[in-house]
Amino acid sequence: MTAVKKLLDKITGIEHGFNHIIDAGEIILKDSVLKPMELAQTFIEPQQPYQIRMLGTYLFGALAANNSEALHILEETISNDKNWRVQEMLAKAFDNYCKIKGYENSLPKIKFWLAHNNTNVKRAVTEGLRIWTGRDYFKENPAEAVSLINSNKHTDSIYLAKSIGNSLRDIHKKHKEIVDAEVSNWDLSEKGLAFIHKLIYK
């Protein structure tokens, strides 16, 4: 456990960024002696520094494709963490889950999370898969990516709306006609839609 403590001491000494968290997670995952699921559960306890909670989140994302409990913890526990950095790692963790499982195979869970009652869960999908059309499956199916992202366009959350607008702007660079067609009938008198529209075309 001394090695783990050194890792934790190292990451808690760094305020910004994600790569050092991911590197620490990979060290834990590759160590045949350590039990990453058990460690992750202790790492996400509320009293832990946010860097350690981020590490726990990363570990659960790596384990989730083969462990339904890990996925459930991401969805129901970590999504309620108040720290924005932890929520950023949740987005990365969900993308990692999709990458390991396969994006097409992950479609049912992607749709489920997009329809979740927790805005952080919806945002984790929308933000985590950016750039959506750079991901396998969605490269060949950009219209489906646009449709999925748009499923939350009537949100009253600025946090989620920003992610939707930025995600659609990403796709618009290579698939202008698809995004233009999707938003062409939007009622821009609706403030939320006008906000997203402005982000797409800024």
Protein backbone atom coordinates (compact mmCIF):
# COMPACT_ATOMS: atom_id res chain seq x y z
CA MET A 1 0.00 0.00 0.00
CA THR A 2 3.04 2.24 0.31
CA ALA A 3 3.17 2.47 -3.48
CA VAL A 4 -0.49 3.51 -3.59
CA LYS A 5 0.09 6.13 -0.91
CA LYS A 6 2.93 7.58 -2.96
CA LEU A 7 0.64 7.77 -5.98
CA LEU A 8 -2.05 9.52 -3.95
CA ASP A 9 0.43 11.95 -2.45
CA LYS A 10 1.69 12.76 -5.93
CA ILE A 11 -1.69 13.44 -7.50
CA THR A 12 -2.99 15.49 -4.57
CA GLY A 13 0.00 17.77 -5.01
CA ILE A 14 -1.13 18.70 -8.53
CA GLU A 15 -4.10 21.06 -8.79
CA HIS A 16 -4.91 21.01 -12.50
CA GLY A 17 -5.06 18.50 -15.32
CA PHE A 18 -6.10 14.93 -15.96
CA ASN A 19 -3.11 13.07 -17.36
CA HIS A 20 -1.44 12.49 -14.00
CA ILE A 21 -4.73 11.05 -12.70
CA ILE A 22 -5.03 8.74 -15.70
CA ASP A 23 -1.39 7.65 -15.36
CA ALA A 24 -1.96 6.79 -11.69
CA GLY A 25 -5.09 4.85 -12.63
CA GLU A 26 -3.24 2.82 -15.23
CA ILE A 27 -0.52 1.94 -12.71
CA ILE A 28 -3.16 0.62 -10.33
CA LEU A 29 -5.01 -1.29 -13.06
CA LYS A 30 -1.84 -3.01 -14.26
CA ASP A 31 -0.72 -4.08 -10.80
CA SER A 32 -1.80 -7.70 -10.36
CA VAL A 33 -1.65 -7.44 -6.57
CA LEU A 34 -3.92 -4.44 -6.11
CA LYS A 35 -7.71 -4.64 -6.12
CA PRO A 36 -8.83 -1.61 -8.18
CA MET A 37 -12.55 -1.98 -7.46
CA GLU A 38 -11.99 -1.94 -3.71
CA LEU A 39 -9.53 0.94 -3.96
CA ALA A 40 -11.90 2.95 -6.17
CA GLN A 41 -14.68 2.59 -3.60
CA THR A 42 -12.46 4.12 -0.91
CA PHE A 43 -11.20 6.81 -3.28
CA ILE A 44 -14.66 8.28 -3.96
CA GLU A 45 -15.58 8.79 -0.32
CA PRO A 46 -16.72 12.41 0.21
CA GLN A 47 -13.89 13.30 2.59
CA GLN A 48 -11.24 12.44 0.02
CA PRO A 49 -9.52 15.28 -1.90
CA TYR A 50 -11.05 15.85 -5.33
CA GLN A 51 -7.95 14.48 -7.06
CA ILE A 52 -8.42 11.13 -5.34
CA ARG A 53 -12.13 11.14 -6.15
CA MET A 54 -11.15 11.77 -9.77
CA LEU A 55 -8.85 8.76 -9.62
CA GLY A 56 -11.66 6.60 -8.26
CA THR A 57 -13.89 7.83 -11.06
CA TYR A 58 -11.28 6.93 -13.67
CA LEU A 59 -10.91 3.45 -12.21
CA PHE A 60 -14.66 2.84 -12.25
CA GLY A 61 -14.77 3.94 -15.90
CA ALA A 62 -12.05 1.45 -16.79
CA LEU A 63 -13.82 -1.34 -14.91
CA ALA A 64 -17.40 -0.55 -15.95
CA ALA A 65 -17.46 -2.41 -19.27
CA ASN A 66 -17.08 -5.69 -17.38
CA ASN A 67 -18.54 -4.70 -14.03
CA SER A 68 -22.12 -3.50 -13.76
CA GLU A 69 -21.59 -2.31 -10.18
CA ALA A 70 -18.82 0.04 -11.34
CA LEU A 71 -21.12 1.48 -14.00
CA HIS A 72 -23.92 1.90 -11.46
CA ILE A 73 -21.58 3.80 -9.12
CA LEU A 74 -20.61 6.17 -11.93
CA GLU A 75 -24.27 6.75 -12.73
CA GLU A 76 -25.78 7.07 -9.27
CA THR A 77 -22.99 8.15 -6.93
CA ILE A 78 -20.23 9.97 -8.77
CA SER A 79 -22.75 11.94 -10.82
CA ASN A 80 -23.78 13.65 -7.58
CA ASP A 81 -20.28 14.83 -6.68
CA LYS A 82 -20.29 18.65 -6.41
CA ASN A 83 -16.77 19.15 -7.76
CA TRP A 84 -16.65 20.14 -11.42
CA ARG A 85 -13.33 18.37 -11.95
CA VAL A 86 -14.85 15.10 -10.81
CA GLN A 87 -17.69 15.68 -13.28
CA GLU A 88 -15.13 16.23 -16.05
CA MET A 89 -13.55 12.91 -15.13
CA LEU A 90 -16.99 11.29 -15.14
CA ALA A 91 -17.33 12.36 -18.78
CA LYS A 92 -13.94 10.83 -19.58
CA ALA A 93 -14.82 7.69 -17.62
CA PHE A 94 -18.04 7.19 -19.58
CA ASP A 95 -16.21 7.60 -22.86
CA ASN A 96 -13.63 5.07 -21.67
CA TYR A 97 -16.46 2.65 -20.86
CA CYS A 98 -17.87 3.12 -24.39
CA LYS A 99 -14.44 2.71 -25.97
CA ILE A 100 -13.76 -0.55 -24.15
CA LYS A 101 -17.24 -1.96 -24.76
CA GLY A 102 -17.50 -0.54 -28.29
CA TYR A 103 -19.50 2.56 -29.17
CA GLU A 104 -22.15 0.69 -31.15
CA ASN A 105 -22.52 -1.87 -28.36
CA SER A 106 -22.83 1.04 -25.91
CA LEU A 107 -25.76 2.66 -27.71
CA PRO A 108 -28.41 1.39 -25.24
CA LYS A 109 -26.45 2.81 -22.32
CA ILE A 110 -25.70 6.05 -24.19
CA LYS A 111 -29.43 6.52 -24.79
CA PHE A 112 -30.25 5.62 -21.20
CA TRP A 113 -27.79 8.15 -19.81
CA LEU A 114 -29.03 10.84 -22.21
CA ALA A 115 -32.53 10.30 -20.83
CA HIS A 116 -31.43 10.23 -17.20
CA ASN A 117 -33.04 12.55 -14.64
CA ASN A 118 -29.63 13.78 -13.46
CA THR A 119 -28.21 16.58 -15.60
CA ASN A 120 -24.66 15.54 -14.74
CA VAL A 121 -25.30 12.10 -16.24
CA LYS A 122 -26.71 13.62 -19.45
CA ARG A 123 -23.78 16.01 -19.64
CA ALA A 124 -21.24 13.21 -19.06
CA VAL A 125 -22.39 11.53 -22.28
CA THR A 126 -22.64 14.70 -24.34
CA GLU A 127 -19.25 15.98 -23.23
CA GLY A 128 -17.48 12.65 -22.85
CA LEU A 129 -17.97 11.54 -26.45
CA ARG A 130 -16.67 14.78 -27.96
CA ILE A 131 -15.78 14.87 -30.75
CA TRP A 132 -18.59 12.37 -31.34
CA THR A 133 -17.85 11.88 -35.03
CA GLY A 134 -14.23 11.15 -34.18
CA ARG A 135 -15.39 8.03 -32.32
CA ASP A 136 -15.83 4.62 -33.91
CA TYR A 137 -19.34 3.94 -35.21
CA PHE A 138 -20.27 7.62 -35.11
CA LYS A 139 -17.63 8.32 -37.78
CA GLU A 140 -19.85 6.33 -40.14
CA ASN A 141 -23.11 7.54 -38.59
CA PRO A 142 -22.79 11.29 -38.00
CA ALA A 143 -26.53 11.91 -38.33
CA GLU A 144 -27.19 9.54 -35.45
CA ALA A 145 -24.64 11.39 -33.33
CA VAL A 146 -26.39 14.69 -34.06
CA SER A 147 -29.79 13.22 -33.27
CA LEU A 148 -28.61 11.79 -29.94
CA ILE A 149 -26.97 15.04 -28.87
CA ASN A 150 -30.10 16.96 -29.83
CA SER A 151 -32.30 14.80 -27.60
CA ASN A 152 -31.62 17.22 -24.74
CA LYS A 153 -31.83 20.47 -26.66
CA HIS A 154 -34.76 21.73 -24.57
CA THR A 155 -32.75 21.60 -21.36
CA ASP A 156 -32.97 24.49 -18.92
CA SER A 157 -29.43 23.76 -17.73
CA ILE A 158 -26.78 26.13 -19.09
CA TYR A 159 -24.15 23.55 -18.09
CA LEU A 160 -25.69 20.93 -20.37
CA ALA A 161 -26.67 23.42 -23.08
CA LYS A 162 -23.04 24.53 -23.43
CA SER A 163 -21.96 20.95 -23.96
CA ILE A 164 -24.70 20.39 -26.55
CA GLY A 165 -23.78 23.55 -28.45
CA ASN A 166 -20.06 22.82 -28.37
CA SER A 167 -20.60 19.20 -29.44
CA LEU A 168 -22.75 20.23 -32.39
CA ARG A 169 -20.22 22.91 -33.35
CA ASP A 170 -17.51 20.22 -33.42
CA ILE A 171 -19.56 18.11 -35.80
CA HIS A 172 -20.63 21.08 -37.91
CA LYS A 173 -17.05 21.59 -39.04
CA LYS A 174 -17.11 18.35 -41.07
CA HIS A 175 -20.83 17.65 -41.41
CA LYS A 176 -22.31 21.09 -41.95
CA GLU A 177 -25.35 19.88 -43.89
CA ILE A 178 -26.42 17.40 -41.19
CA VAL A 179 -26.27 19.92 -38.37
CA ASP A 180 -27.88 22.65 -40.47
CA ALA A 181 -30.77 20.36 -41.34
CA GLU A 182 -31.24 19.34 -37.71
CA VAL A 183 -31.45 22.90 -36.39
CA SER A 184 -33.27 24.47 -39.35
CA ASN A 185 -36.69 24.15 -37.71
CA TRP A 186 -35.70 25.24 -34.22
CA ASP A 187 -37.86 27.90 -32.63
CA LEU A 188 -35.19 30.44 -31.74
CA SER A 189 -37.65 32.39 -29.63
CA GLU A 190 -36.96 29.67 -27.06
CA LYS A 191 -34.02 31.06 -25.10
CA GLY A 192 -32.34 27.71 -24.58
CA LEU A 193 -32.41 26.83 -28.26
CA ALA A 194 -31.19 30.30 -29.20
CA PHE A 195 -28.28 29.86 -26.78
CA ILE A 196 -27.27 26.51 -28.28
CA HIS A 197 -27.73 27.85 -31.83
CA LYS A 198 -25.39 30.75 -31.05
CA LEU A 199 -22.72 28.34 -29.78
CA ILE A 200 -22.96 26.22 -32.94
CA TYR A 201 -22.49 29.14 -35.29
CA LYS A 202 -20.19 31.41 -33.33
